[in-house]
Amino acid sequence: MSGHSAQQAFQPLNLAILTVSDSRDETTDRSGQLLIESAQAAGHRVVAREIVPDDRYRLRAVFSRWIADPEIAAIISTGGTGITGRDCTPEAVLPLLDKELPGFGELFRSLSFTEIGTSTIQSRALAGIANATLIFCLPGSTGACRTAWERILKPQLDSRTQPCNFVQLLPRLRES
């Protein structure tokens, strides 16, 4: 089980939040708003937010712009990870990744199984790294975003989490 180190200080990160939806706007985007509020409550800064329709090329353009921005440490998207015809977030993101983090999707589905049972198999949640930017693609439901944030992202984006966390690796992601 992981814990916090008393010696390590919290290090806030600059995050970007992307909602993938054909029907949501800022007033109806509950999942994106949950991620923003959760990140800010944890001490992080949300420096960018967009809502983009399920279109792999428009999504790829936003992800690419944020990946190229050295001020953004992590991108968290919500939506478009299902299996319907319009769901295309994985197809938009995978070609951009330098490294995929398959353990994220595996862990998310394992945690989600305790909440929604075998329906979790329909999730294509994924994570990876591109240009030293962490990328996390979550399902669109508020419950899924809460699970991913509370059980995976909040501890892994906290520099005090022991024995290791993503924050301590950020400076080394640019090494080749």
C-alpha atoms as a PDB file:
ATOM      1  CA  MET A   1       0.000   0.000   0.000  1.00  0.00           C
ATOM      2  CA  SER A   2       1.281   3.461  -0.792  1.00  0.00           C
ATOM      3  CA  GLY A   3       1.521   6.356   1.608  1.00  0.00           C
ATOM      4  CA  HIS A   4       2.820   9.902   1.850  1.00  0.00           C
ATOM      5  CA  SER A   5       6.330  10.963   2.691  1.00  0.00           C
ATOM      6  CA  ALA A   6       6.536  13.560   5.444  1.00  0.00           C
ATOM      7  CA  GLN A   7       9.810  14.888   4.019  1.00  0.00           C
ATOM      8  CA  GLN A   8       8.570  15.496   0.461  1.00  0.00           C
ATOM      9  CA  ALA A   9       6.659  18.715  -0.259  1.00  0.00           C
ATOM     10  CA  PHE A  10       3.575  18.727  -2.486  1.00  0.00           C
ATOM     11  CA  GLN A  11       4.408  19.866  -6.013  1.00  0.00           C
ATOM     12  CA  PRO A  12       1.432  21.329  -7.935  1.00  0.00           C
ATOM     13  CA  LEU A  13       1.200  20.456 -11.612  1.00  0.00           C
ATOM     14  CA  ASN A  14      -0.278  22.321 -14.571  1.00  0.00           C
ATOM     15  CA  LEU A  15      -3.070  20.157 -15.985  1.00  0.00           C
ATOM     16  CA  ALA A  16      -5.220  20.336 -19.107  1.00  0.00           C
ATOM     17  CA  ILE A  17      -8.737  18.840 -19.096  1.00  0.00           C
ATOM     18  CA  LEU A  18     -10.377  17.722 -22.346  1.00  0.00           C
ATOM     19  CA  THR A  19     -13.978  16.565 -22.586  1.00  0.00           C
ATOM     20  CA  VAL A  20     -14.794  14.492 -25.660  1.00  0.00           C
ATOM     21  CA  SER A  21     -18.483  14.896 -26.420  1.00  0.00           C
ATOM     22  CA  ASP A  22     -20.878  15.692 -29.235  1.00  0.00           C
ATOM     23  CA  SER A  23     -23.541  16.912 -26.810  1.00  0.00           C
ATOM     24  CA  ARG A  24     -21.905  18.576 -23.789  1.00  0.00           C
ATOM     25  CA  ASP A  25     -21.018  22.199 -23.158  1.00  0.00           C
ATOM     26  CA  GLU A  26     -19.476  23.854 -20.097  1.00  0.00           C
ATOM     27  CA  THR A  27     -22.842  23.972 -18.311  1.00  0.00           C
ATOM     28  CA  THR A  28     -23.609  20.245 -18.832  1.00  0.00           C
ATOM     29  CA  ASP A  29     -20.086  18.774 -18.661  1.00  0.00           C
ATOM     30  CA  ARG A  30     -20.289  17.140 -15.235  1.00  0.00           C
ATOM     31  CA  SER A  31     -17.317  14.803 -15.754  1.00  0.00           C
ATOM     32  CA  GLY A  32     -14.961  17.544 -16.933  1.00  0.00           C
ATOM     33  CA  GLN A  33     -16.110  19.781 -14.082  1.00  0.00           C
ATOM     34  CA  LEU A  34     -15.537  16.963 -11.573  1.00  0.00           C
ATOM     35  CA  LEU A  35     -11.969  16.539 -12.837  1.00  0.00           C
ATOM     36  CA  ILE A  36     -11.302  20.286 -12.674  1.00  0.00           C
ATOM     37  CA  GLU A  37     -12.683  20.617  -9.146  1.00  0.00           C
ATOM     38  CA  SER A  38     -10.876  17.479  -7.956  1.00  0.00           C
ATOM     39  CA  ALA A  39      -7.550  18.597  -9.420  1.00  0.00           C
ATOM     40  CA  GLN A  40      -7.855  22.072  -7.922  1.00  0.00           C
ATOM     41  CA  ALA A  41      -8.913  20.678  -4.533  1.00  0.00           C
ATOM     42  CA  ALA A  42      -5.774  18.513  -4.601  1.00  0.00           C
ATOM     43  CA  GLY A  43      -3.649  21.631  -5.193  1.00  0.00           C
ATOM     44  CA  HIS A  44      -3.034  21.422  -8.945  1.00  0.00           C
ATOM     45  CA  ARG A  45      -3.605  24.170 -11.517  1.00  0.00           C
ATOM     46  CA  VAL A  46      -5.968  23.618 -14.449  1.00  0.00           C
ATOM     47  CA  VAL A  47      -4.408  25.783 -17.144  1.00  0.00           C
ATOM     48  CA  ALA A  48      -6.479  24.621 -20.130  1.00  0.00           C
ATOM     49  CA  ARG A  49      -9.924  23.167 -20.729  1.00  0.00           C
ATOM     50  CA  GLU A  50     -11.734  22.306 -23.940  1.00  0.00           C
ATOM     51  CA  ILE A  51     -14.772  20.380 -25.069  1.00  0.00           C
ATOM     52  CA  VAL A  52     -14.312  18.748 -28.472  1.00  0.00           C
ATOM     53  CA  PRO A  53     -16.683  16.523 -30.482  1.00  0.00           C
ATOM     54  CA  ASP A  54     -15.861  12.862 -31.111  1.00  0.00           C
ATOM     55  CA  ASP A  55     -13.642  13.511 -34.144  1.00  0.00           C
ATOM     56  CA  ARG A  56     -10.224  11.879 -34.091  1.00  0.00           C
ATOM     57  CA  TYR A  57      -8.519  14.652 -36.085  1.00  0.00           C
ATOM     58  CA  ARG A  58      -9.920  17.513 -34.019  1.00  0.00           C
ATOM     59  CA  LEU A  59      -8.987  15.563 -30.873  1.00  0.00           C
ATOM     60  CA  ARG A  60      -5.506  14.871 -32.185  1.00  0.00           C
ATOM     61  CA  ALA A  61      -5.049  18.600 -32.895  1.00  0.00           C
ATOM     62  CA  VAL A  62      -5.924  19.563 -29.294  1.00  0.00           C
ATOM     63  CA  PHE A  63      -3.808  16.792 -27.783  1.00  0.00           C
ATOM     64  CA  SER A  64      -0.891  17.766 -30.063  1.00  0.00           C
ATOM     65  CA  ARG A  65      -1.119  21.451 -29.109  1.00  0.00           C
ATOM     66  CA  TRP A  66      -1.090  20.594 -25.407  1.00  0.00           C
ATOM     67  CA  ILE A  67       1.665  17.977 -25.804  1.00  0.00           C
ATOM     68  CA  ALA A  68       3.815  20.673 -27.462  1.00  0.00           C
ATOM     69  CA  ASP A  69       3.199  23.125 -24.601  1.00  0.00           C
ATOM     70  CA  PRO A  70       6.086  22.757 -22.098  1.00  0.00           C
ATOM     71  CA  GLU A  71       3.923  24.305 -19.345  1.00  0.00           C
ATOM     72  CA  ILE A  72       1.423  21.404 -19.357  1.00  0.00           C
ATOM     73  CA  ALA A  73       2.582  18.424 -17.289  1.00  0.00           C
ATOM     74  CA  ALA A  74      -0.488  16.219 -17.768  1.00  0.00           C
ATOM     75  CA  ILE A  75      -3.587  15.968 -19.939  1.00  0.00           C
ATOM     76  CA  ILE A  76      -6.696  14.254 -18.621  1.00  0.00           C
ATOM     77  CA  SER A  77      -9.477  13.545 -21.087  1.00  0.00           C
ATOM     78  CA  THR A  78     -12.950  12.224 -20.404  1.00  0.00           C
ATOM     79  CA  GLY A  79     -15.153  10.548 -22.986  1.00  0.00           C
ATOM     80  CA  GLY A  80     -14.779   8.714 -26.259  1.00  0.00           C
ATOM     81  CA  THR A  81     -13.200   5.569 -24.781  1.00  0.00           C
ATOM     82  CA  GLY A  82     -16.152   3.254 -25.326  1.00  0.00           C
ATOM     83  CA  ILE A  83     -16.855   0.949 -28.255  1.00  0.00           C
ATOM     84  CA  THR A  84     -19.562   2.753 -30.214  1.00  0.00           C
ATOM     85  CA  GLY A  85     -18.984   4.051 -33.715  1.00  0.00           C
ATOM     86  CA  ARG A  86     -18.327   7.641 -32.565  1.00  0.00           C
ATOM     87  CA  ASP A  87     -15.881   6.672 -29.761  1.00  0.00           C
ATOM     88  CA  CYS A  88     -12.409   7.497 -31.091  1.00  0.00           C
ATOM     89  CA  THR A  89     -10.269   8.877 -28.265  1.00  0.00           C
ATOM     90  CA  PRO A  90      -7.846   5.901 -28.249  1.00  0.00           C
ATOM     91  CA  GLU A  91      -7.462   6.110 -32.027  1.00  0.00           C
ATOM     92  CA  ALA A  92      -6.749   9.845 -31.750  1.00  0.00           C
ATOM     93  CA  VAL A  93      -4.207   9.482 -28.930  1.00  0.00           C
ATOM     94  CA  LEU A  94      -2.295   6.252 -29.582  1.00  0.00           C
ATOM     95  CA  PRO A  95      -0.359   7.537 -32.636  1.00  0.00           C
ATOM     96  CA  LEU A  96       0.838  10.520 -30.559  1.00  0.00           C
ATOM     97  CA  LEU A  97       2.287   8.489 -27.681  1.00  0.00           C
ATOM     98  CA  ASP A  98       6.006   7.910 -27.213  1.00  0.00           C
ATOM     99  CA  LYS A  99       5.198   5.264 -24.593  1.00  0.00           C
ATOM    100  CA  GLU A 100       1.948   3.620 -23.592  1.00  0.00           C
ATOM    101  CA  LEU A 101       1.271   2.832 -19.924  1.00  0.00           C
ATOM    102  CA  PRO A 102      -0.872  -0.310 -20.188  1.00  0.00           C
ATOM    103  CA  GLY A 103      -1.005  -0.702 -16.406  1.00  0.00           C
ATOM    104  CA  PHE A 104      -3.272   2.341 -16.153  1.00  0.00           C
ATOM    105  CA  GLY A 105      -6.088   0.828 -18.204  1.00  0.00           C
ATOM    106  CA  GLU A 106      -5.623  -2.532 -16.523  1.00  0.00           C
ATOM    107  CA  LEU A 107      -5.802  -1.009 -13.037  1.00  0.00           C
ATOM    108  CA  PHE A 108      -8.733   1.229 -13.964  1.00  0.00           C
ATOM    109  CA  ARG A 109     -10.760  -1.718 -15.255  1.00  0.00           C
ATOM    110  CA  SER A 110      -9.874  -3.780 -12.174  1.00  0.00           C
ATOM    111  CA  LEU A 111     -11.066  -1.009  -9.849  1.00  0.00           C
ATOM    112  CA  SER A 112     -14.106  -0.345 -12.017  1.00  0.00           C
ATOM    113  CA  PHE A 113     -15.073  -4.024 -11.929  1.00  0.00           C
ATOM    114  CA  THR A 114     -15.900  -3.707  -8.227  1.00  0.00           C
ATOM    115  CA  GLU A 115     -18.309  -0.873  -9.098  1.00  0.00           C
ATOM    116  CA  ILE A 116     -19.941  -1.862 -12.407  1.00  0.00           C
ATOM    117  CA  GLY A 117     -19.064  -5.528 -12.830  1.00  0.00           C
ATOM    118  CA  THR A 118     -18.323  -6.961 -16.234  1.00  0.00           C
ATOM    119  CA  SER A 119     -19.513  -3.769 -17.974  1.00  0.00           C
ATOM    120  CA  THR A 120     -15.986  -2.483 -17.359  1.00  0.00           C
ATOM    121  CA  ILE A 121     -14.819  -4.581 -20.311  1.00  0.00           C
ATOM    122  CA  GLN A 122     -16.390  -1.944 -22.586  1.00  0.00           C
ATOM    123  CA  SER A 123     -13.895   0.686 -21.384  1.00  0.00           C
ATOM    124  CA  ARG A 124     -10.803   1.450 -23.427  1.00  0.00           C
ATOM    125  CA  ALA A 125      -9.314   3.782 -20.800  1.00  0.00           C
ATOM    126  CA  LEU A 126      -5.629   4.307 -21.491  1.00  0.00           C
ATOM    127  CA  ALA A 127      -2.573   6.327 -20.536  1.00  0.00           C
ATOM    128  CA  GLY A 128       0.803   7.172 -21.960  1.00  0.00           C
ATOM    129  CA  ILE A 129       3.561   9.712 -22.359  1.00  0.00           C
ATOM    130  CA  ALA A 130       4.190  12.057 -25.280  1.00  0.00           C
ATOM    131  CA  ASN A 131       6.925  14.704 -25.296  1.00  0.00           C
ATOM    132  CA  ALA A 132       7.308  14.270 -21.514  1.00  0.00           C
ATOM    133  CA  THR A 133       3.583  14.992 -21.017  1.00  0.00           C
ATOM    134  CA  LEU A 134       1.469  12.505 -19.101  1.00  0.00           C
ATOM    135  CA  ILE A 135      -1.800  11.623 -20.857  1.00  0.00           C
ATOM    136  CA  PHE A 136      -4.766   9.890 -19.233  1.00  0.00           C
ATOM    137  CA  CYS A 137      -7.905   9.034 -21.234  1.00  0.00           C
ATOM    138  CA  LEU A 138     -10.907   8.253 -19.034  1.00  0.00           C
ATOM    139  CA  PRO A 139     -14.455   7.183 -19.814  1.00  0.00           C
ATOM    140  CA  GLY A 140     -17.098   9.889 -19.949  1.00  0.00           C
ATOM    141  CA  SER A 141     -19.162   8.903 -16.928  1.00  0.00           C
ATOM    142  CA  THR A 142     -18.818  10.928 -13.754  1.00  0.00           C
ATOM    143  CA  GLY A 143     -18.456   7.731 -11.728  1.00  0.00           C
ATOM    144  CA  ALA A 144     -15.578   6.527 -13.908  1.00  0.00           C
ATOM    145  CA  CYS A 145     -13.838   9.906 -13.623  1.00  0.00           C
ATOM    146  CA  ARG A 146     -14.264   9.870  -9.838  1.00  0.00           C
ATOM    147  CA  THR A 147     -12.826   6.338  -9.620  1.00  0.00           C
ATOM    148  CA  ALA A 148      -9.863   7.176 -11.853  1.00  0.00           C
ATOM    149  CA  TRP A 149      -9.126  10.419 -10.016  1.00  0.00           C
ATOM    150  CA  GLU A 150      -9.519   9.199  -6.452  1.00  0.00           C
ATOM    151  CA  ARG A 151      -7.976   5.756  -6.815  1.00  0.00           C
ATOM    152  CA  ILE A 152      -5.211   6.325  -9.409  1.00  0.00           C
ATOM    153  CA  LEU A 153      -4.554   9.891 -10.538  1.00  0.00           C
ATOM    154  CA  LYS A 154      -4.760  11.769  -7.239  1.00  0.00           C
ATOM    155  CA  PRO A 155      -2.104   9.588  -5.560  1.00  0.00           C
ATOM    156  CA  GLN A 156       0.081   9.243  -8.653  1.00  0.00           C
ATOM    157  CA  LEU A 157       0.049  13.000  -9.351  1.00  0.00           C
ATOM    158  CA  ASP A 158       1.047  13.696  -5.732  1.00  0.00           C
ATOM    159  CA  SER A 159       4.799  14.102  -5.227  1.00  0.00           C
ATOM    160  CA  ARG A 160       4.472  12.756  -1.676  1.00  0.00           C
ATOM    161  CA  THR A 161       3.086   9.329  -2.658  1.00  0.00           C
ATOM    162  CA  GLN A 162       5.496   6.546  -1.774  1.00  0.00           C
ATOM    163  CA  PRO A 163       7.153   4.376  -2.900  1.00  0.00           C
ATOM    164  CA  CYS A 164       6.903   6.215  -6.252  1.00  0.00           C
ATOM    165  CA  ASN A 165       4.723   8.556  -8.302  1.00  0.00           C
ATOM    166  CA  PHE A 166       4.578  10.193 -11.724  1.00  0.00           C
ATOM    167  CA  VAL A 167       5.677  13.601 -10.416  1.00  0.00           C
ATOM    168  CA  GLN A 168       9.137  12.380  -9.411  1.00  0.00           C
ATOM    169  CA  LEU A 169       9.575  10.923 -12.909  1.00  0.00           C
ATOM    170  CA  LEU A 170       8.611  14.060 -14.850  1.00  0.00           C
ATOM    171  CA  PRO A 171      12.135  15.543 -14.962  1.00  0.00           C
ATOM    172  CA  ARG A 172      13.498  12.228 -16.283  1.00  0.00           C
ATOM    173  CA  LEU A 173      10.900  11.788 -19.038  1.00  0.00           C
ATOM    174  CA  ARG A 174      12.916  14.023 -21.384  1.00  0.00           C
ATOM    175  CA  GLU A 175      16.054  11.883 -21.000  1.00  0.00           C
ATOM    176  CA  SER A 176      16.868   9.624 -23.930  1.00  0.00           C
END
